[in-house]
PDB file of N, CA and C in Angstrom:
ATOM      1  N   MET A   1     134.773  -9.703 -45.180  1.00  0.00           N
ATOM      2  CA  MET A   1     135.257  -8.252 -45.862  1.00  0.00           C
ATOM      3  C   MET A   1     134.303  -7.656 -46.776  1.00  0.00           C
ATOM      4  N   ALA A   2     133.816  -6.723 -46.356  1.00  0.00           N
ATOM      5  CA  ALA A   2     132.704  -5.804 -47.173  1.00  0.00           C
ATOM      6  C   ALA A   2     133.367  -5.474 -48.405  1.00  0.00           C
ATOM      7  N   THR A   3     132.668  -5.518 -49.586  1.00  0.00           N
ATOM      8  CA  THR A   3     133.265  -4.846 -50.801  1.00  0.00           C
ATOM      9  C   THR A   3     132.327  -3.545 -50.864  1.00  0.00           C
ATOM     10  N   GLU A   4     133.133  -2.573 -51.658  1.00  0.00           N
ATOM     11  CA  GLU A   4     132.681  -1.277 -51.793  1.00  0.00           C
ATOM     12  C   GLU A   4     131.742  -1.072 -53.028  1.00  0.00           C
ATOM     13  N   GLU A   5     130.724  -0.502 -53.058  1.00  0.00           N
ATOM     14  CA  GLU A   5     129.841  -0.738 -54.157  1.00  0.00           C
ATOM     15  C   GLU A   5     130.454   0.645 -54.991  1.00  0.00           C
ATOM     16  N   PRO A   6     130.188   0.500 -56.294  1.00  0.00           N
ATOM     17  CA  PRO A   6     130.753   1.744 -56.979  1.00  0.00           C
ATOM     18  C   PRO A   6     129.891   3.012 -56.944  1.00  0.00           C
ATOM     19  N   GLU A   7     130.308   4.171 -57.133  1.00  0.00           N
ATOM     20  CA  GLU A   7     129.421   5.352 -56.806  1.00  0.00           C
ATOM     21  C   GLU A   7     129.403   5.754 -58.326  1.00  0.00           C
ATOM     22  N   PHE A   8     128.225   6.136 -58.575  1.00  0.00           N
ATOM     23  CA  PHE A   8     127.700   6.606 -59.824  1.00  0.00           C
ATOM     24  C   PHE A   8     127.077   8.014 -59.789  1.00  0.00           C
ATOM     25  N   ALA A   9     127.376   8.780 -60.976  1.00  0.00           N
ATOM     26  CA  ALA A   9     127.147  10.279 -61.032  1.00  0.00           C
ATOM     27  C   ALA A   9     125.593  10.067 -61.315  1.00  0.00           C
ATOM     28  N   ASP A  10     124.879  11.257 -60.781  1.00  0.00           N
ATOM     29  CA  ASP A  10     123.562  11.480 -61.183  1.00  0.00           C
ATOM     30  C   ASP A  10     123.627  12.240 -62.373  1.00  0.00           C
ATOM     31  N   VAL A  11     123.316  11.756 -63.665  1.00  0.00           N
ATOM     32  CA  VAL A  11     123.075  12.395 -64.635  1.00  0.00           C
ATOM     33  C   VAL A  11     121.809  12.544 -65.445  1.00  0.00           C
ATOM     34  N   SER A  12     121.647  13.351 -66.156  1.00  0.00           N
ATOM     35  CA  SER A  12     120.254  13.543 -67.252  1.00  0.00           C
ATOM     36  C   SER A  12     120.634  13.988 -68.311  1.00  0.00           C
ATOM     37  N   ILE A  13     119.744  13.817 -69.254  1.00  0.00           N
ATOM     38  CA  ILE A  13     119.858  14.143 -70.803  1.00  0.00           C
ATOM     39  C   ILE A  13     119.911  15.658 -70.849  1.00  0.00           C
ATOM     40  N   GLY A  14     120.795  16.012 -71.672  1.00  0.00           N
ATOM     41  CA  GLY A  14     121.024  17.498 -71.718  1.00  0.00           C
ATOM     42  C   GLY A  14     122.144  18.303 -70.989  1.00  0.00           C
ATOM     43  N   GLN A  15     122.477  17.441 -70.066  1.00  0.00           N
ATOM     44  CA  GLN A  15     123.630  17.723 -68.785  1.00  0.00           C
ATOM     45  C   GLN A  15     124.969  17.834 -69.539  1.00  0.00           C
ATOM     46  N   THR A  16     125.867  18.865 -69.484  1.00  0.00           N
ATOM     47  CA  THR A  16     127.076  18.933 -69.804  1.00  0.00           C
ATOM     48  C   THR A  16     127.965  18.144 -68.659  1.00  0.00           C
ATOM     49  N   VAL A  17     128.948  16.962 -69.227  1.00  0.00           N
ATOM     50  CA  VAL A  17     129.585  16.248 -68.094  1.00  0.00           C
ATOM     51  C   VAL A  17     131.050  16.728 -68.515  1.00  0.00           C
ATOM     52  N   TYR A  18     131.875  16.461 -67.648  1.00  0.00           N
ATOM     53  CA  TYR A  18     133.429  16.752 -67.599  1.00  0.00           C
ATOM     54  C   TYR A  18     134.030  15.720 -67.051  1.00  0.00           C
ATOM     55  N   ASP A  19     135.324  15.510 -67.409  1.00  0.00           N
ATOM     56  CA  ASP A  19     136.253  14.464 -66.731  1.00  0.00           C
ATOM     57  C   ASP A  19     136.541  14.864 -65.511  1.00  0.00           C
ATOM     58  N   ASN A  20     137.598  14.204 -64.934  1.00  0.00           N
ATOM     59  CA  ASN A  20     138.353  14.511 -63.758  1.00  0.00           C
ATOM     60  C   ASN A  20     139.121  15.774 -63.539  1.00  0.00           C
ATOM     61  N   SER A  21     139.616  16.044 -64.959  1.00  0.00           N
ATOM     62  CA  SER A  21     140.644  17.346 -64.943  1.00  0.00           C
ATOM     63  C   SER A  21     139.898  18.450 -65.573  1.00  0.00           C
ATOM     64  N   GLY A  22     138.417  18.376 -65.437  1.00  0.00           N
ATOM     65  CA  GLY A  22     137.721  19.613 -66.000  1.00  0.00           C
ATOM     66  C   GLY A  22     137.672  19.790 -67.380  1.00  0.00           C
ATOM     67  N   GLU A  23     138.086  18.878 -68.158  1.00  0.00           N
ATOM     68  CA  GLU A  23     137.684  18.632 -69.522  1.00  0.00           C
ATOM     69  C   GLU A  23     136.321  18.557 -69.954  1.00  0.00           C
ATOM     70  N   GLU A  24     135.704  19.234 -70.956  1.00  0.00           N
ATOM     71  CA  GLU A  24     134.311  18.902 -71.166  1.00  0.00           C
ATOM     72  C   GLU A  24     134.515  17.858 -71.997  1.00  0.00           C
ATOM     73  N   LEU A  25     133.401  16.622 -71.491  1.00  0.00           N
ATOM     74  CA  LEU A  25     133.306  15.307 -72.559  1.00  0.00           C
ATOM     75  C   LEU A  25     132.031  15.522 -73.425  1.00  0.00           C
ATOM     76  N   GLY A  26     131.267  16.511 -73.004  1.00  0.00           N
ATOM     77  CA  GLY A  26     130.137  16.523 -73.842  1.00  0.00           C
ATOM     78  C   GLY A  26     128.746  16.589 -73.241  1.00  0.00           C
ATOM     79  N   THR A  27     127.928  16.509 -74.040  1.00  0.00           N
ATOM     80  CA  THR A  27     126.603  16.807 -73.206  1.00  0.00           C
ATOM     81  C   THR A  27     125.904  15.191 -73.389  1.00  0.00           C
ATOM     82  N   VAL A  28     125.167  14.945 -72.300  1.00  0.00           N
ATOM     83  CA  VAL A  28     124.601  13.502 -72.188  1.00  0.00           C
ATOM     84  C   VAL A  28     123.403  13.487 -73.269  1.00  0.00           C
ATOM     85  N   ARG A  29     123.437  12.328 -74.057  1.00  0.00           N
ATOM     86  CA  ARG A  29     122.531  12.208 -75.003  1.00  0.00           C
ATOM     87  C   ARG A  29     121.500  11.308 -74.531  1.00  0.00           C
ATOM     88  N   GLY A  30     122.028  10.303 -73.795  1.00  0.00           N
ATOM     89  CA  GLY A  30     121.208   8.929 -73.582  1.00  0.00           C
ATOM     90  C   GLY A  30     121.774   8.422 -72.302  1.00  0.00           C
ATOM     91  N   VAL A  31     120.854   7.695 -71.506  1.00  0.00           N
ATOM     92  CA  VAL A  31     121.251   6.955 -70.321  1.00  0.00           C
ATOM     93  C   VAL A  31     120.545   5.552 -70.404  1.00  0.00           C
ATOM     94  N   ASP A  32     121.432   4.632 -70.085  1.00  0.00           N
ATOM     95  CA  ASP A  32     120.720   3.250 -69.948  1.00  0.00           C
ATOM     96  C   ASP A  32     121.528   2.448 -68.954  1.00  0.00           C
ATOM     97  N   ASP A  33     121.147   0.978 -69.103  1.00  0.00           N
ATOM     98  CA  ASP A  33     121.920   0.324 -67.797  1.00  0.00           C
ATOM     99  C   ASP A  33     123.280   0.085 -67.849  1.00  0.00           C
ATOM    100  N   ASP A  34     123.968   0.491 -68.964  1.00  0.00           N
ATOM    101  CA  ASP A  34     125.470   0.319 -69.194  1.00  0.00           C
ATOM    102  C   ASP A  34     126.259   1.646 -68.705  1.00  0.00           C
ATOM    103  N   GLY A  35     125.358   2.718 -68.656  1.00  0.00           N
ATOM    104  CA  GLY A  35     125.828   4.220 -68.319  1.00  0.00           C
ATOM    105  C   GLY A  35     125.351   5.293 -69.062  1.00  0.00           C
ATOM    106  N   PHE A  36     126.061   6.414 -69.492  1.00  0.00           N
ATOM    107  CA  PHE A  36     125.372   7.405 -70.021  1.00  0.00           C
ATOM    108  C   PHE A  36     126.277   7.428 -71.358  1.00  0.00           C
ATOM    109  N   TYR A  37     125.624   8.221 -72.599  1.00  0.00           N
ATOM    110  CA  TYR A  37     126.366   8.387 -73.607  1.00  0.00           C
ATOM    111  C   TYR A  37     126.591   9.903 -74.065  1.00  0.00           C
ATOM    112  N   VAL A  38     127.358  10.521 -74.579  1.00  0.00           N
ATOM    113  CA  VAL A  38     127.582  11.734 -74.705  1.00  0.00           C
ATOM    114  C   VAL A  38     127.623  12.327 -76.461  1.00  0.00           C
ATOM    115  N   SER A  39     127.053  13.410 -76.483  1.00  0.00           N
ATOM    116  CA  SER A  39     127.205  13.965 -77.831  1.00  0.00           C
ATOM    117  C   SER A  39     128.610  14.881 -77.691  1.00  0.00           C
ATOM    118  N   SER A  40     129.571  14.551 -78.534  1.00  0.00           N
ATOM    119  CA  SER A  40     131.011  15.529 -78.534  1.00  0.00           C
ATOM    120  C   SER A  40     130.827  17.061 -78.513  1.00  0.00           C
ATOM    121  N   PRO A  41     131.682  17.461 -77.960  1.00  0.00           N
ATOM    122  CA  PRO A  41     131.548  19.203 -77.800  1.00  0.00           C
ATOM    123  C   PRO A  41     131.888  19.647 -79.044  1.00  0.00           C
ATOM    124  N   ALA A  42     131.143  21.010 -79.258  1.00  0.00           N
ATOM    125  CA  ALA A  42     131.440  21.651 -80.866  1.00  0.00           C
ATOM    126  C   ALA A  42     133.000  21.855 -81.132  1.00  0.00           C
ATOM    127  N   GLY A  43     133.268  21.803 -81.892  1.00  0.00           N
ATOM    128  CA  GLY A  43     134.813  21.914 -82.562  1.00  0.00           C
ATOM    129  C   GLY A  43     135.512  20.699 -82.493  1.00  0.00           C
ATOM    130  N   THR A  44     135.157  19.623 -81.930  1.00  0.00           N
ATOM    131  CA  THR A  44     135.915  18.577 -81.950  1.00  0.00           C
ATOM    132  C   THR A  44     135.912  17.887 -83.001  1.00  0.00           C
ATOM    133  N   LYS A  45     136.896  16.793 -83.447  1.00  0.00           N
ATOM    134  CA  LYS A  45     137.035  16.158 -84.592  1.00  0.00           C
ATOM    135  C   LYS A  45     136.198  14.823 -84.633  1.00  0.00           C
ATOM    136  N   SER A  46     135.712  14.527 -85.633  1.00  0.00           N
ATOM    137  CA  SER A  46     134.748  13.206 -85.682  1.00  0.00           C
ATOM    138  C   SER A  46     135.776  12.294 -86.285  1.00  0.00           C
ATOM    139  N   LEU A  47     135.578  10.902 -85.792  1.00  0.00           N
ATOM    140  CA  LEU A  47     136.471   9.949 -86.278  1.00  0.00           C
ATOM    141  C   LEU A  47     135.604   9.281 -87.559  1.00  0.00           C
ATOM    142  N   PRO A  48     136.611   9.055 -88.649  1.00  0.00           N
ATOM    143  CA  PRO A  48     135.959   8.411 -89.813  1.00  0.00           C
ATOM    144  C   PRO A  48     135.600   7.028 -89.504  1.00  0.00           C
ATOM    145  N   LEU A  49     134.684   6.416 -89.992  1.00  0.00           N
ATOM    146  CA  LEU A  49     133.963   5.245 -89.919  1.00  0.00           C
ATOM    147  C   LEU A  49     135.340   4.138 -89.940  1.00  0.00           C
ATOM    148  N   THR A  50     136.275   4.187 -90.810  1.00  0.00           N
ATOM    149  CA  THR A  50     137.562   3.351 -90.818  1.00  0.00           C
ATOM    150  C   THR A  50     137.988   3.388 -89.462  1.00  0.00           C
ATOM    151  N   GLN A  51     138.270   4.679 -88.877  1.00  0.00           N
ATOM    152  CA  GLN A  51     139.126   4.656 -87.459  1.00  0.00           C
ATOM    153  C   GLN A  51     137.966   4.138 -86.413  1.00  0.00           C
ATOM    154  N   VAL A  52     136.755   4.317 -86.516  1.00  0.00           N
ATOM    155  CA  VAL A  52     135.886   3.777 -85.730  1.00  0.00           C
ATOM    156  C   VAL A  52     136.182   2.305 -85.489  1.00  0.00           C
ATOM    157  N   ARG A  53     136.017   1.684 -86.618  1.00  0.00           N
ATOM    158  CA  ARG A  53     136.414   0.044 -86.781  1.00  0.00           C
ATOM    159  C   ARG A  53     137.304  -0.389 -86.142  1.00  0.00           C
ATOM    160  N   ASP A  54     138.652   0.518 -86.440  1.00  0.00           N
ATOM    161  CA  ASP A  54     139.811   0.314 -85.718  1.00  0.00           C
ATOM    162  C   ASP A  54     139.669   0.044 -84.308  1.00  0.00           C
ATOM    163  N   VAL A  55     138.871   1.259 -83.746  1.00  0.00           N
ATOM    164  CA  VAL A  55     138.723   1.186 -82.188  1.00  0.00           C
ATOM    165  C   VAL A  55     138.119   0.037 -81.519  1.00  0.00           C
ATOM    166  N   PHE A  56     137.113  -0.473 -82.302  1.00  0.00           N
ATOM    167  CA  PHE A  56     136.210  -1.578 -81.895  1.00  0.00           C
ATOM    168  C   PHE A  56     136.599  -2.835 -82.426  1.00  0.00           C
ATOM    169  N   GLY A  57     138.013  -2.796 -83.050  1.00  0.00           N
ATOM    170  CA  GLY A  57     138.542  -4.149 -83.430  1.00  0.00           C
ATOM    171  C   GLY A  57     137.625  -4.909 -84.337  1.00  0.00           C
ATOM    172  N   THR A  58     137.224  -6.283 -84.078  1.00  0.00           N
ATOM    173  CA  THR A  58     136.543  -7.258 -84.876  1.00  0.00           C
ATOM    174  C   THR A  58     134.937  -7.028 -84.796  1.00  0.00           C
ATOM    175  N   ALA A  59     134.282  -6.049 -84.061  1.00  0.00           N
ATOM    176  CA  ALA A  59     133.012  -5.917 -83.856  1.00  0.00           C
ATOM    177  C   ALA A  59     132.635  -5.151 -84.884  1.00  0.00           C
ATOM    178  N   TYR A  60     131.176  -5.324 -85.666  1.00  0.00           N
ATOM    179  CA  TYR A  60     130.708  -4.609 -86.618  1.00  0.00           C
ATOM    180  C   TYR A  60     130.036  -3.154 -85.972  1.00  0.00           C
ATOM    181  N   VAL A  61     130.198  -2.119 -86.610  1.00  0.00           N
ATOM    182  CA  VAL A  61     129.755  -0.989 -86.004  1.00  0.00           C
ATOM    183  C   VAL A  61     128.354  -0.646 -86.817  1.00  0.00           C
ATOM    184  N   MET A  62     127.340  -0.681 -86.095  1.00  0.00           N
ATOM    185  CA  MET A  62     126.040  -0.488 -86.498  1.00  0.00           C
ATOM    186  C   MET A  62     125.604   0.835 -86.002  1.00  0.00           C
ATOM    187  N   TRP A  63     124.200   1.092 -86.187  1.00  0.00           N
ATOM    188  CA  TRP A  63     123.490   2.058 -85.583  1.00  0.00           C
ATOM    189  C   TRP A  63     122.457   1.272 -84.819  1.00  0.00           C
ATOM    190  N   ARG A  64     121.985   2.085 -83.995  1.00  0.00           N
ATOM    191  CA  ARG A  64     120.827   1.763 -83.245  1.00  0.00           C
ATOM    192  C   ARG A  64     120.015   3.011 -82.753  1.00  0.00           C
ATOM    193  N   CYS A  65     118.866   2.935 -82.485  1.00  0.00           N
ATOM    194  CA  CYS A  65     117.846   3.945 -82.363  1.00  0.00           C
ATOM    195  C   CYS A  65     117.406   3.769 -80.955  1.00  0.00           C
ATOM    196  N   TRP A  66     117.422   5.042 -80.345  1.00  0.00           N
ATOM    197  CA  TRP A  66     117.074   5.054 -78.596  1.00  0.00           C
ATOM    198  C   TRP A  66     115.567   4.804 -78.644  1.00  0.00           C
ATOM    199  N   LYS A  67     114.668   5.353 -79.521  1.00  0.00           N
ATOM    200  CA  LYS A  67     113.409   5.241 -79.147  1.00  0.00           C
ATOM    201  C   LYS A  67     112.747   3.556 -79.282  1.00  0.00           C
ATOM    202  N   CYS A  68     113.246   3.041 -80.329  1.00  0.00           N
ATOM    203  CA  CYS A  68     112.727   1.547 -80.571  1.00  0.00           C
ATOM    204  C   CYS A  68     113.784   0.585 -80.427  1.00  0.00           C
ATOM    205  N   GLY A  69     114.881   0.955 -80.224  1.00  0.00           N
ATOM    206  CA  GLY A  69     116.066  -0.272 -80.183  1.00  0.00           C
ATOM    207  C   GLY A  69     116.413  -1.121 -81.537  1.00  0.00           C
ATOM    208  N   GLU A  70     115.681  -0.439 -82.690  1.00  0.00           N
ATOM    209  CA  GLU A  70     116.070  -0.965 -84.192  1.00  0.00           C
ATOM    210  C   GLU A  70     117.422  -0.745 -84.314  1.00  0.00           C
ATOM    211  N   MET A  71     118.097  -1.868 -85.043  1.00  0.00           N
ATOM    212  CA  MET A  71     119.569  -1.491 -85.154  1.00  0.00           C
ATOM    213  C   MET A  71     119.676  -2.013 -86.809  1.00  0.00           C
ATOM    214  N   GLY A  72     120.880  -1.465 -87.407  1.00  0.00           N
ATOM    215  CA  GLY A  72     121.168  -1.517 -88.801  1.00  0.00           C
ATOM    216  C   GLY A  72     122.585  -1.525 -89.104  1.00  0.00           C
ATOM    217  N   GLU A  73     123.020  -1.932 -90.172  1.00  0.00           N
ATOM    218  CA  GLU A  73     124.291  -1.611 -90.940  1.00  0.00           C
ATOM    219  C   GLU A  73     124.751  -0.369 -91.344  1.00  0.00           C
ATOM    220  N   ILE A  74     125.580   0.203 -90.930  1.00  0.00           N
ATOM    221  CA  ILE A  74     126.192   1.490 -91.462  1.00  0.00           C
ATOM    222  C   ILE A  74     126.903   1.198 -92.837  1.00  0.00           C
ATOM    223  N   SER A  75     126.217   1.846 -93.652  1.00  0.00           N
ATOM    224  CA  SER A  75     126.698   2.265 -95.039  1.00  0.00           C
ATOM    225  C   SER A  75     127.130   3.484 -95.472  1.00  0.00           C
ATOM    226  N   GLY A  76     128.127   4.177 -94.612  1.00  0.00           N
ATOM    227  CA  GLY A  76     128.519   5.792 -94.774  1.00  0.00           C
ATOM    228  C   GLY A  76     127.870   6.269 -93.571  1.00  0.00           C
ATOM    229  N   GLU A  77     127.041   7.052 -93.787  1.00  0.00           N
ATOM    230  CA  GLU A  77     126.357   8.091 -93.020  1.00  0.00           C
ATOM    231  C   GLU A  77     125.364   7.308 -91.844  1.00  0.00           C
ATOM    232  N   LEU A  78     124.836   7.803 -90.963  1.00  0.00           N
ATOM    233  CA  LEU A  78     123.528   7.230 -90.256  1.00  0.00           C
ATOM    234  C   LEU A  78     122.367   7.566 -91.208  1.00  0.00           C
ATOM    235  N   PRO A  79     121.373   6.712 -90.992  1.00  0.00           N
ATOM    236  CA  PRO A  79     120.315   7.161 -92.019  1.00  0.00           C
ATOM    237  C   PRO A  79     119.503   8.441 -91.307  1.00  0.00           C
ATOM    238  N   ALA A  80     118.721   9.114 -92.169  1.00  0.00           N
ATOM    239  CA  ALA A  80     118.194  10.193 -91.821  1.00  0.00           C
ATOM    240  C   ALA A  80     116.967  10.263 -90.604  1.00  0.00           C
ATOM    241  N   ASN A  81     116.559   8.603 -90.708  1.00  0.00           N
ATOM    242  CA  ASN A  81     115.342   8.759 -89.621  1.00  0.00           C
ATOM    243  C   ASN A  81     115.432   6.929 -89.520  1.00  0.00           C
ATOM    244  N   CYS A  82     114.908   6.641 -88.505  1.00  0.00           N
ATOM    245  CA  CYS A  82     114.887   5.372 -88.193  1.00  0.00           C
ATOM    246  C   CYS A  82     113.877   4.493 -89.001  1.00  0.00           C
ATOM    247  N   PRO A  83     114.093   3.468 -89.825  1.00  0.00           N
ATOM    248  CA  PRO A  83     113.366   2.931 -90.718  1.00  0.00           C
ATOM    249  C   PRO A  83     111.893   2.367 -90.196  1.00  0.00           C
ATOM    250  N   SER A  84     112.382   2.297 -88.626  1.00  0.00           N
ATOM    251  CA  SER A  84     111.143   1.208 -88.055  1.00  0.00           C
ATOM    252  C   SER A  84     110.133   2.376 -87.447  1.00  0.00           C
ATOM    253  N   CYS A  85     110.692   3.235 -86.728  1.00  0.00           N
ATOM    254  CA  CYS A  85     109.868   4.207 -85.900  1.00  0.00           C
ATOM    255  C   CYS A  85     109.896   5.786 -86.517  1.00  0.00           C
ATOM    256  N   ASP A  86     110.719   5.961 -87.631  1.00  0.00           N
ATOM    257  CA  ASP A  86     110.642   7.283 -87.954  1.00  0.00           C
ATOM    258  C   ASP A  86     111.399   8.129 -87.062  1.00  0.00           C
ATOM    259  N   ALA A  87     112.037   8.034 -86.131  1.00  0.00           N
ATOM    260  CA  ALA A  87     112.711   8.743 -85.188  1.00  0.00           C
ATOM    261  C   ALA A  87     114.114   9.530 -85.894  1.00  0.00           C
ATOM    262  N   PRO A  88     113.884  10.903 -85.660  1.00  0.00           N
ATOM    263  CA  PRO A  88     115.145  11.538 -86.471  1.00  0.00           C
ATOM    264  C   PRO A  88     116.472  10.985 -86.318  1.00  0.00           C
ATOM    265  N   ARG A  89     117.445  11.305 -86.985  1.00  0.00           N
ATOM    266  CA  ARG A  89     118.955  10.852 -87.036  1.00  0.00           C
ATOM    267  C   ARG A  89     119.598  11.077 -85.583  1.00  0.00           C
ATOM    268  N   GLU A  90     118.836  12.019 -84.926  1.00  0.00           N
ATOM    269  CA  GLU A  90     119.605  12.662 -83.465  1.00  0.00           C
ATOM    270  C   GLU A  90     119.123  11.586 -82.633  1.00  0.00           C
ATOM    271  N   GLU A  91     118.351  10.648 -82.854  1.00  0.00           N
ATOM    272  CA  GLU A  91     117.938   9.586 -81.842  1.00  0.00           C
ATOM    273  C   GLU A  91     118.752   8.292 -82.055  1.00  0.00           C
ATOM    274  N   LEU A  92     119.603   8.279 -83.490  1.00  0.00           N
ATOM    275  CA  LEU A  92     120.309   7.180 -83.527  1.00  0.00           C
ATOM    276  C   LEU A  92     122.043   7.242 -82.931  1.00  0.00           C
ATOM    277  N   TYR A  93     122.581   6.398 -82.740  1.00  0.00           N
ATOM    278  CA  TYR A  93     123.851   6.330 -82.199  1.00  0.00           C
ATOM    279  C   TYR A  93     124.304   5.111 -82.483  1.00  0.00           C
ATOM    280  N   TYR A  94     125.825   5.148 -82.833  1.00  0.00           N
ATOM    281  CA  TYR A  94     126.728   3.927 -83.209  1.00  0.00           C
ATOM    282  C   TYR A  94     126.714   3.218 -82.206  1.00  0.00           C
ATOM    283  N   TRP A  95     126.870   1.995 -82.631  1.00  0.00           N
ATOM    284  CA  TRP A  95     126.624   0.492 -81.630  1.00  0.00           C
ATOM    285  C   TRP A  95     127.882  -0.486 -82.236  1.00  0.00           C
ATOM    286  N   ALA A  96     128.461  -1.260 -81.253  1.00  0.00           N
ATOM    287  CA  ALA A  96     129.480  -2.086 -81.704  1.00  0.00           C
ATOM    288  C   ALA A  96     128.671  -3.392 -81.618  1.00  0.00           C
ATOM    289  N   GLU A  97     128.537  -4.492 -82.752  1.00  0.00           N
ATOM    290  CA  GLU A  97     128.276  -5.760 -82.277  1.00  0.00           C
ATOM    291  C   GLU A  97     129.154  -6.712 -82.814  1.00  0.00           C
ATOM    292  N   ASP A  98     129.025  -7.721 -82.056  1.00  0.00           N
ATOM    293  CA  ASP A  98     130.058  -8.728 -82.274  1.00  0.00           C
ATOM    294  C   ASP A  98     129.350  -9.657 -83.429  1.00  0.00           C
TER     295      ASP A  98
END
C-alpha cells in the first residue's frame, strides 16, 4: 500500500498567507526545514510573555536569530539587536526550548 506524501505550499518571505477559510494569518517572515513563520497581521493583539509560556507548557521561551542562530533567554522584550551578529530585532523570533 502506497502512502501519500504530504503536500506543501510554495511560500516566500514577504508573502501574505491565509488559512482555509480565507482569514489572514500574516506575512511570511522566515522559512526553514520545519515550515514557515509569520508576522501577525496589523491590529492583532499580541500575547504577553506569561501567556506564551502557558502555551508552550514546560518549555523555556527564548529568542533566536534568523541570521546566525544565536539563542538567548528573554527577560521582558526581545533584544534590540542580536548580540552575536548585530542583526536587528526584526531578525529575532521567539523559540521554545525544552
